[in-house]
Amino acid sequence: MPLPVPLAQASPAPQNPPPGNPVSPEMQALLSQLKDIHEPAAIGWWPLAPGWWILAGVIIALLFAAGWLALRLREKKRRNLYRAEGVRLLRSVALDEPRAVEEINTLLKRVAVVTFGRDSCAPLTGQRWIGFLESAVEQQMPEAAQRALLESLYSASAGSHTDLQALRDFAIRWVREHRLPQADISQPSSPSLAEGQHV
């Protein structure tokens, strides 16, 4: 048996790289003139665009308007503190006490003196006082409230509970809704019920 003859391993033929395209001197001169790509400079925030100026102006105007409105509301609330104090004092009057009519009338006088001045309302009594109260609000004083004020104020009788309730309800409504005299609307001072305490 003949020995097998080893097969010669075929080795791949060496491959020569393909000849490169030689760069011509003109091409090299052109390539040497190329420069790196430069990104454009970032856009700055200043100067602002016109839209931002308009927005800033609107915001500043709104802030000024809000401040002015807050000051006006605060001033109005400060000027009307005496009303809230008067309503609180009227609500605290016990209607079953014998001097309830006198207390309600005194509180009404204090508010009127603070608002309209001592000379215009402190000396008023009876129908003139009721007429003065009715002239400062848009509603008439109920008959029951008038009866309590005219009949029970200087008498020993306390008056009926219904009449006293009607008087107190009218007094509370009057303190809340009475119109200020035109001369006092522009006054910066805040009236206080303590000023009209001695009527």
Protein backbone atom coordinates (compact mmCIF):
# COMPACT_ATOMS: atom_id res chain seq x y z
CA MET A 1 0.00 0.00 0.00
CA PRO A 2 1.62 3.07 -1.04
CA LEU A 3 1.94 5.78 1.54
CA PRO A 4 -0.16 8.74 0.95
CA VAL A 5 1.79 11.60 -0.31
CA PRO A 6 1.17 14.65 1.81
CA LEU A 7 -0.51 17.27 -0.14
CA ALA A 8 1.35 20.43 -0.24
CA GLN A 9 -0.57 23.11 1.41
CA ALA A 10 -1.32 25.83 -0.90
CA SER A 11 -0.52 29.18 0.58
CA PRO A 12 -2.37 32.14 -0.67
CA ALA A 13 -0.45 34.29 -2.93
CA PRO A 14 0.54 37.54 -1.34
CA GLN A 15 -1.70 40.36 -2.47
CA ASN A 16 -0.10 43.58 -3.20
CA PRO A 17 -2.12 46.60 -2.19
CA PRO A 18 -3.59 48.32 -5.10
CA PRO A 19 -1.57 51.20 -6.07
CA GLY A 20 -2.97 54.35 -4.44
CA ASN A 21 -4.08 57.31 -6.36
CA PRO A 22 -1.22 59.59 -6.10
CA VAL A 23 -2.29 63.07 -4.96
CA SER A 24 -1.26 65.64 -7.36
CA PRO A 25 0.65 68.62 -6.09
CA GLU A 26 -2.19 70.92 -7.04
CA MET A 27 -4.61 68.87 -4.98
CA GLN A 28 -2.22 68.95 -2.03
CA ALA A 29 -2.00 72.71 -2.30
CA LEU A 30 -5.77 72.97 -2.24
CA LEU A 31 -6.05 70.57 0.70
CA SER A 32 -3.52 72.56 2.69
CA GLN A 33 -5.76 75.62 2.39
CA LEU A 34 -8.66 73.89 4.14
CA LYS A 35 -9.27 74.89 7.76
CA ASP A 36 -11.21 73.27 10.58
CA ILE A 37 -14.95 73.94 10.81
CA HIS A 38 -15.72 76.70 13.30
CA GLU A 39 -19.13 76.76 14.99
CA PRO A 40 -20.86 80.13 15.12
CA ALA A 41 -20.64 82.05 18.41
CA ALA A 42 -23.50 81.45 20.86
CA ILE A 43 -26.26 84.04 20.79
CA GLY A 44 -26.06 86.24 23.91
CA TRP A 45 -29.01 87.26 26.04
CA TRP A 46 -28.13 90.93 25.74
CA PRO A 47 -29.45 93.06 24.13
CA LEU A 48 -32.95 91.81 24.72
CA ALA A 49 -35.36 91.30 21.90
CA PRO A 50 -38.27 93.80 21.69
CA GLY A 51 -40.74 91.16 22.88
CA TRP A 52 -38.87 90.82 26.18
CA TRP A 53 -38.93 94.60 26.68
CA ILE A 54 -42.69 94.63 26.10
CA LEU A 55 -43.18 91.74 28.53
CA ALA A 56 -41.03 93.48 31.16
CA GLY A 57 -43.07 96.67 30.73
CA VAL A 58 -46.35 94.79 31.12
CA ILE A 59 -45.11 93.01 34.27
CA ILE A 60 -43.91 96.29 35.82
CA ALA A 61 -47.24 97.96 35.00
CA LEU A 62 -49.14 95.05 36.56
CA LEU A 63 -47.00 95.23 39.70
CA PHE A 64 -47.65 98.95 40.05
CA ALA A 65 -51.39 98.45 39.48
CA ALA A 66 -51.51 95.64 42.06
CA GLY A 67 -49.65 97.79 44.60
CA TRP A 68 -51.94 100.76 44.00
CA LEU A 69 -55.04 98.55 44.32
CA ALA A 70 -53.72 96.98 47.54
CA LEU A 71 -53.11 100.43 49.03
CA ARG A 72 -56.61 101.60 48.04
CA LEU A 73 -58.26 98.52 49.55
CA ARG A 74 -56.21 98.87 52.73
CA GLU A 75 -57.16 102.54 53.02
CA LYS A 76 -60.83 101.75 52.44
CA LYS A 77 -60.74 98.99 55.06
CA ARG A 78 -59.00 101.31 57.52
CA ARG A 79 -61.60 104.03 56.92
CA ASN A 80 -64.44 101.54 57.51
CA LEU A 81 -63.07 100.01 60.72
CA TYR A 82 -65.49 102.12 62.75
CA ARG A 83 -68.39 100.45 60.92
CA ALA A 84 -67.20 96.96 61.88
CA GLU A 85 -66.65 98.12 65.47
CA GLY A 86 -70.13 99.67 65.61
CA VAL A 87 -71.79 96.51 64.28
CA ARG A 88 -69.88 94.41 66.80
CA LEU A 89 -70.99 96.65 69.69
CA LEU A 90 -74.61 96.67 68.51
CA ARG A 91 -74.67 92.88 68.30
CA SER A 92 -73.39 92.68 71.88
CA VAL A 93 -76.33 94.68 73.27
CA ALA A 94 -78.57 92.38 75.33
CA LEU A 95 -82.16 93.13 74.35
CA ASP A 96 -83.59 91.85 77.63
CA GLU A 97 -81.82 94.55 79.68
CA PRO A 98 -83.90 97.59 80.65
CA ARG A 99 -81.45 100.07 79.08
CA ALA A 100 -81.12 98.32 75.71
CA VAL A 101 -82.83 101.16 73.79
CA GLU A 102 -80.49 103.70 75.35
CA GLU A 103 -77.43 101.60 74.49
CA ILE A 104 -78.51 101.21 70.87
CA ASN A 105 -79.27 104.94 70.57
CA THR A 106 -75.92 105.86 72.15
CA LEU A 107 -74.05 103.64 69.71
CA LEU A 108 -75.93 105.16 66.78
CA LYS A 109 -75.06 108.65 68.04
CA ARG A 110 -71.39 107.71 68.42
CA VAL A 111 -71.20 106.45 64.85
CA ALA A 112 -73.07 109.51 63.57
CA VAL A 113 -70.81 111.92 65.49
CA VAL A 114 -67.69 110.19 64.14
CA THR A 115 -69.03 110.28 60.59
CA PHE A 116 -70.97 113.55 60.36
CA GLY A 117 -69.56 115.64 63.19
CA ARG A 118 -70.89 116.55 66.61
CA ASP A 119 -72.63 119.76 65.55
CA SER A 120 -74.78 118.15 62.87
CA CYS A 121 -76.23 115.23 64.83
CA ALA A 122 -75.42 115.26 68.57
CA PRO A 123 -78.27 117.62 69.60
CA LEU A 124 -80.93 115.79 67.53
CA THR A 125 -83.70 113.90 69.34
CA GLY A 126 -87.10 112.43 68.54
CA GLN A 127 -88.43 112.77 65.00
CA ARG A 128 -85.52 115.00 63.93
CA TRP A 129 -83.06 112.26 64.97
CA ILE A 130 -85.08 109.62 63.09
CA GLY A 131 -85.24 111.90 60.03
CA PHE A 132 -81.47 112.36 60.18
CA LEU A 133 -80.91 108.60 60.36
CA GLU A 134 -83.26 107.98 57.44
CA SER A 135 -81.54 110.66 55.33
CA ALA A 136 -78.21 108.81 55.48
CA VAL A 137 -79.56 105.48 54.18
CA GLU A 138 -81.96 104.52 51.41
CA GLN A 139 -84.47 102.70 53.63
CA GLN A 140 -87.01 104.06 56.08
CA MET A 141 -86.85 103.17 59.74
CA PRO A 142 -89.50 100.50 60.47
CA GLU A 143 -92.49 101.49 62.60
CA ALA A 144 -91.47 99.03 65.34
CA ALA A 145 -87.98 100.57 65.53
CA GLN A 146 -89.46 104.09 65.65
CA ARG A 147 -91.83 103.01 68.40
CA ALA A 148 -88.95 101.58 70.45
CA LEU A 149 -86.86 104.71 69.96
CA LEU A 150 -89.63 107.24 70.65
CA GLU A 151 -91.58 105.52 73.40
CA SER A 152 -88.99 103.50 75.31
CA LEU A 153 -85.88 105.70 75.18
CA TYR A 154 -86.78 108.01 78.06
CA SER A 155 -89.41 105.92 79.81
CA ALA A 156 -89.11 103.29 82.47
CA SER A 157 -90.59 100.59 80.22
CA ALA A 158 -88.11 98.46 78.33
CA GLY A 159 -90.30 98.08 75.26
CA SER A 160 -91.29 94.89 73.51
CA HIS A 161 -88.62 92.46 72.37
CA THR A 162 -89.92 92.69 68.78
CA ASP A 163 -89.56 96.49 68.75
CA LEU A 164 -86.08 96.29 70.24
CA GLN A 165 -85.04 93.66 67.69
CA ALA A 166 -86.35 95.88 64.88
CA LEU A 167 -84.42 98.86 66.28
CA ARG A 168 -81.19 96.90 66.58
CA ASP A 169 -81.58 95.46 63.07
CA PHE A 170 -82.12 98.96 61.66
CA ALA A 171 -79.14 100.28 63.65
CA ILE A 172 -76.86 97.53 62.30
CA ARG A 173 -78.04 98.19 58.76
CA TRP A 174 -77.58 101.93 59.25
CA VAL A 175 -74.02 101.53 60.55
CA ARG A 176 -73.11 99.33 57.58
CA GLU A 177 -74.83 101.31 54.83
CA HIS A 178 -74.89 104.99 55.81
CA ARG A 179 -73.41 107.31 53.22
CA LEU A 180 -70.47 109.42 54.19
CA PRO A 181 -70.73 113.19 53.68
CA GLN A 182 -68.83 114.35 50.60
CA ALA A 183 -66.31 116.40 52.61
CA ASP A 184 -65.25 113.38 54.70
CA ILE A 185 -64.70 110.90 51.86
CA SER A 186 -61.29 112.33 50.99
CA GLN A 187 -60.07 112.66 54.58
CA PRO A 188 -57.09 110.41 55.25
CA SER A 189 -57.81 110.06 58.95
CA SER A 190 -59.54 106.93 60.15
CA PRO A 191 -62.53 107.65 62.38
CA SER A 192 -62.88 105.75 65.62
CA LEU A 193 -65.88 105.21 67.82
CA ALA A 194 -63.83 106.38 70.78
CA GLU A 195 -63.97 109.90 69.32
CA GLY A 196 -67.76 109.93 69.53
CA GLN A 197 -68.02 108.30 72.92
CA HIS A 198 -69.12 111.41 74.79
CA VAL A 199 -72.35 112.41 73.06
